[in-house]
């Protein structure tokens, strides 16, 4: 159903909510389209269906705005947050509107990684850092640099077909052959052997999620390693 506007016609008053990642993480770094966001908003209002944005990977400044949905034309009713909230310590949160809060009673709602005194103290500090406009401006700047570097690789290697993502959550689509040992596995292993840790998203997306404090030098060095690895693999294609 992701980005399928026609499929949204199935939603009616029997639905309680629609849960989605505005920018997918593990699913392949697709982002919702403006048309899909607009249609979802309209249907949500028409049928009183809540829109829940999963911002666990895309939120907290990773895309250059505090939430990914701020760049994608979506205004959700509920937002889920977790991983970056306390700088690596276990902390999570769900942001809800008054109409949902009024339905929650003592004993109805529990939490695994709720606010302890240490994690919330760290969380307050992280929030102050992330919401500093200068900090987010730097994330935007580094994200654009990262995008340029990845597009240069795409241009030079025919088996690199698409640059995906936003800000400092990026992906590079690589050729995928289900019947053979995948190029993806080789690239990930070779990068790791050279000191560059990269991930997979979906079946054919090489995923990058560097720290938001990454420097220009860090990105240049990382992409030099990736270029060297892809140059080696190009001999096989």
Protein backbone atom coordinates (compact mmCIF):
# COMPACT_ATOMS: atom_id res chain seq x y z
CA UNK A 1 0.00 0.00 0.00
CA UNK A 2 3.01 2.32 0.45
CA UNK A 3 2.57 5.29 -1.91
CA UNK A 4 -0.43 3.60 -3.54
CA UNK A 5 -3.04 6.37 -3.53
CA UNK A 6 -5.73 4.11 -5.01
CA UNK A 7 -5.28 1.58 -2.20
CA UNK A 8 -6.25 4.26 0.32
CA UNK A 9 -9.83 4.00 -0.95
CA UNK A 10 -10.11 0.80 1.13
CA UNK A 11 -9.92 2.88 4.31
CA UNK A 12 -13.28 3.64 5.90
CA UNK A 13 -14.80 4.23 9.30
CA UNK A 14 -13.95 0.69 10.45
CA UNK A 15 -10.26 1.66 10.57
CA UNK A 16 -8.80 3.05 13.80
CA UNK A 17 -5.45 4.21 12.42
CA UNK A 18 -2.86 4.02 9.68
CA UNK A 19 0.72 3.43 10.81
CA UNK A 20 3.60 4.23 8.45
CA UNK A 21 7.18 5.40 8.26
CA UNK A 22 7.28 8.72 6.37
CA UNK A 23 10.81 7.72 5.39
CA UNK A 24 11.33 3.98 5.53
CA UNK A 25 14.31 2.59 7.40
CA UNK A 26 14.66 -1.17 7.04
CA UNK A 27 12.14 -1.23 4.20
CA UNK A 28 14.42 0.39 1.64
CA UNK A 29 14.53 4.17 2.27
CA UNK A 30 11.46 5.01 0.21
CA UNK A 31 9.69 8.20 1.25
CA UNK A 32 6.01 9.02 1.02
CA UNK A 33 5.07 11.09 -2.02
CA UNK A 34 3.25 14.44 -1.71
CA UNK A 35 0.22 12.91 -3.47
CA UNK A 36 0.08 10.00 -1.03
CA UNK A 37 0.50 12.29 1.97
CA UNK A 38 -2.30 14.59 0.79
CA UNK A 39 -4.67 11.70 0.06
CA UNK A 40 -3.95 10.07 3.42
CA UNK A 41 -4.61 13.34 5.27
CA UNK A 42 -7.91 13.79 3.44
CA UNK A 43 -9.11 10.27 4.14
CA UNK A 44 -7.98 10.45 7.75
CA UNK A 45 -10.08 13.55 8.35
CA UNK A 46 -13.05 12.15 6.44
CA UNK A 47 -13.26 8.92 8.44
CA UNK A 48 -11.68 10.11 11.71
CA UNK A 49 -8.78 7.70 11.19
CA UNK A 50 -5.61 8.49 13.12
CA UNK A 51 -2.33 8.80 11.23
CA UNK A 52 0.63 7.38 13.17
CA UNK A 53 4.13 8.34 12.01
CA UNK A 54 6.92 5.95 12.98
CA UNK A 55 9.89 8.31 13.39
CA UNK A 56 12.10 5.91 15.31
CA UNK A 57 14.74 5.92 12.56
CA UNK A 58 13.89 9.04 10.57
CA UNK A 59 13.19 11.37 13.48
CA UNK A 60 15.25 13.47 15.87
CA UNK A 61 17.07 15.46 13.23
CA UNK A 62 18.43 12.62 11.11
CA UNK A 63 16.88 13.97 7.92
CA UNK A 64 17.76 17.61 8.60
CA UNK A 65 14.43 18.48 10.20
CA UNK A 66 13.38 17.28 13.63
CA UNK A 67 10.86 14.90 12.05
CA UNK A 68 11.05 13.40 8.55
CA UNK A 69 7.35 14.12 7.97
CA UNK A 70 8.04 17.85 8.12
CA UNK A 71 9.65 17.59 4.67
CA UNK A 72 7.05 15.29 3.16
CA UNK A 73 3.72 17.08 3.45
CA UNK A 74 2.32 14.93 6.25
CA UNK A 75 0.92 16.07 9.61
CA UNK A 76 0.39 12.95 11.75
CA UNK A 77 -1.82 12.61 14.81
CA UNK A 78 0.58 10.34 16.70
CA UNK A 79 4.38 10.11 16.50
CA UNK A 80 6.58 7.32 17.86
CA UNK A 81 10.16 8.05 18.92
CA UNK A 82 12.94 5.96 20.44
CA UNK A 83 16.51 5.20 19.42
CA UNK A 84 18.25 8.62 19.45
CA UNK A 85 16.27 10.21 22.28
CA UNK A 86 18.85 9.63 25.03
CA UNK A 87 22.01 9.36 22.97
CA UNK A 88 22.03 5.56 22.98
CA UNK A 89 20.50 4.94 26.41
CA UNK A 90 17.11 3.16 26.40
CA UNK A 91 14.35 5.75 26.13
CA UNK A 92 11.22 5.97 23.99
CA UNK A 93 8.14 8.12 23.69
CA UNK A 94 4.79 8.33 21.94
CA UNK A 95 3.43 11.78 21.16
CA UNK A 96 -0.36 11.81 21.23
CA UNK A 97 -3.08 14.47 20.82
CA UNK A 98 -5.61 15.38 23.50
CA UNK A 99 -8.38 13.31 21.90
CA UNK A 100 -6.25 10.18 22.28
CA UNK A 101 -4.91 11.12 25.70
CA UNK A 102 -8.48 11.48 26.98
CA UNK A 103 -9.09 7.82 26.15
CA UNK A 104 -6.06 6.55 28.08
CA UNK A 105 -6.64 5.69 31.75
CA UNK A 106 -4.34 4.60 34.53
CA UNK A 107 -3.34 0.98 33.93
CA UNK A 108 -4.21 1.06 30.21
CA UNK A 109 -0.80 2.12 28.97
CA UNK A 110 2.56 0.64 29.92
CA UNK A 111 6.11 1.21 28.80
CA UNK A 112 9.34 -0.74 28.56
CA UNK A 113 11.72 2.17 27.94
CA UNK A 114 9.86 4.96 29.67
CA UNK A 115 11.41 7.90 31.49
CA UNK A 116 13.80 7.00 34.27
CA UNK A 117 15.69 9.83 36.00
CA UNK A 118 19.02 9.20 34.25
CA UNK A 119 17.69 8.61 30.75
CA UNK A 120 15.34 11.59 30.87
CA UNK A 121 18.14 13.86 32.06
CA UNK A 122 20.24 12.75 29.10
CA UNK A 123 17.19 13.01 26.86
CA UNK A 124 16.67 16.65 27.84
CA UNK A 125 20.27 17.45 26.90
CA UNK A 126 20.01 15.60 23.58
CA UNK A 127 16.80 17.46 22.78
CA UNK A 128 18.50 20.82 23.43
CA UNK A 129 21.38 19.88 21.11
CA UNK A 130 19.21 18.55 18.28
CA UNK A 131 16.82 21.50 18.30
CA UNK A 132 19.62 24.06 18.04
CA UNK A 133 19.06 25.56 14.54
CA UNK A 134 22.81 25.61 13.87
CA UNK A 135 23.03 21.89 14.59
CA UNK A 136 20.26 21.03 12.13
CA UNK A 137 21.77 23.39 9.54
CA UNK A 138 24.96 21.34 9.73
CA UNK A 139 22.99 18.09 9.32
CA UNK A 140 21.36 19.54 6.18
CA UNK A 141 24.76 20.61 4.85
CA UNK A 142 26.34 17.21 5.48
CA UNK A 143 23.29 15.49 4.00
CA UNK A 144 23.67 17.43 0.76
CA UNK A 145 27.37 16.62 0.66
CA UNK A 146 26.58 12.95 1.21
CA UNK A 147 24.01 13.01 -1.58
CA UNK A 148 26.50 14.57 -4.01
CA UNK A 149 29.12 11.95 -3.21
CA UNK A 150 26.66 9.08 -3.66
CA UNK A 151 25.37 10.49 -6.95
CA UNK A 152 28.96 10.64 -8.21
CA UNK A 153 29.28 6.92 -7.44
CA UNK A 154 25.99 6.21 -9.19
CA UNK A 155 27.28 7.99 -12.27
CA UNK A 156 30.54 6.02 -12.33
CA UNK A 157 29.25 2.51 -11.59
CA UNK A 158 26.49 1.00 -13.77
CA UNK A 159 25.44 -1.46 -11.07
CA UNK A 160 24.66 1.45 -8.70
CA UNK A 161 21.27 2.57 -9.94
CA UNK A 162 19.65 4.94 -7.42
CA UNK A 163 20.44 7.24 -4.51
CA UNK A 164 17.75 7.23 -1.82
CA UNK A 165 16.88 8.76 1.53
CA UNK A 166 17.07 12.19 3.14
CA UNK A 167 19.64 14.06 5.20
CA UNK A 168 21.97 11.62 6.94
CA UNK A 169 19.86 8.53 6.34
CA UNK A 170 20.92 7.53 2.84
CA UNK A 171 20.95 4.53 0.56
CA UNK A 172 22.50 3.36 -2.70
CA UNK A 173 20.65 0.76 -4.77
CA UNK A 174 22.94 -1.98 -6.05
CA UNK A 175 22.30 -4.66 -8.65
CA UNK A 176 20.63 -7.67 -7.07
CA UNK A 177 20.60 -11.19 -8.48
CA UNK A 178 18.54 -13.54 -6.24
CA UNK A 179 19.97 -16.58 -8.01
CA UNK A 180 23.59 -15.82 -7.18
CA UNK A 181 25.74 -14.59 -4.33
CA UNK A 182 24.70 -10.99 -4.08
CA UNK A 183 26.89 -8.04 -4.82
CA UNK A 184 25.48 -6.53 -1.64
CA UNK A 185 27.04 -9.15 0.62
CA UNK A 186 30.44 -8.69 -1.00
CA UNK A 187 30.33 -4.91 -0.73
CA UNK A 188 29.28 -4.94 2.93
CA UNK A 189 32.04 -7.42 3.84
CA UNK A 190 34.70 -5.56 1.86
CA UNK A 191 33.75 -2.21 3.38
CA UNK A 192 33.86 -3.71 6.86
CA UNK A 193 37.33 -5.15 6.20
CA UNK A 194 38.49 -1.61 5.35
CA UNK A 195 36.96 -0.06 8.47
CA UNK A 196 33.68 1.22 7.03
CA UNK A 197 30.49 -0.14 8.62
CA UNK A 198 27.50 -0.13 6.29
CA UNK A 199 24.09 -1.79 6.44
CA UNK A 200 21.45 -3.28 4.17
CA UNK A 201 17.90 -2.02 3.72
CA UNK A 202 15.39 -4.14 1.84
CA UNK A 203 17.07 -6.52 -0.59
CA UNK A 204 19.25 -4.22 -2.68
CA UNK A 205 19.84 -0.96 -0.81
CA UNK A 206 23.20 -0.22 0.77
CA UNK A 207 22.23 1.89 3.79
CA UNK A 208 24.23 4.58 5.57
CA UNK A 209 23.32 6.11 8.93
CA UNK A 210 26.36 8.06 10.15
CA UNK A 211 26.35 10.03 13.40
CA UNK A 212 24.70 13.44 13.09
CA UNK A 213 28.05 14.89 14.19
CA UNK A 214 29.83 13.38 11.17
CA UNK A 215 32.41 15.71 9.62
CA UNK A 216 33.11 16.54 5.98
CA UNK A 217 36.41 14.66 6.31
CA UNK A 218 34.60 11.60 7.69
CA UNK A 219 32.20 11.50 4.74
CA UNK A 220 34.99 12.00 2.20
CA UNK A 221 36.99 9.15 3.73
CA UNK A 222 33.96 6.85 3.90
CA UNK A 223 33.08 7.43 0.27
CA UNK A 224 36.70 6.90 -0.76
CA UNK A 225 36.55 3.46 0.85
CA UNK A 226 33.24 2.70 -0.83
CA UNK A 227 34.57 3.85 -4.20
CA UNK A 228 37.59 1.56 -3.83
CA UNK A 229 35.33 -1.39 -3.00
CA UNK A 230 32.98 -0.70 -5.93
CA UNK A 231 35.95 -0.34 -8.27
CA UNK A 232 37.03 -3.84 -7.28
CA UNK A 233 33.55 -5.24 -7.80
CA UNK A 234 33.21 -3.50 -11.16
CA UNK A 235 35.72 -5.98 -12.59
CA UNK A 236 33.13 -8.73 -12.04
CA UNK A 237 30.37 -6.98 -14.06
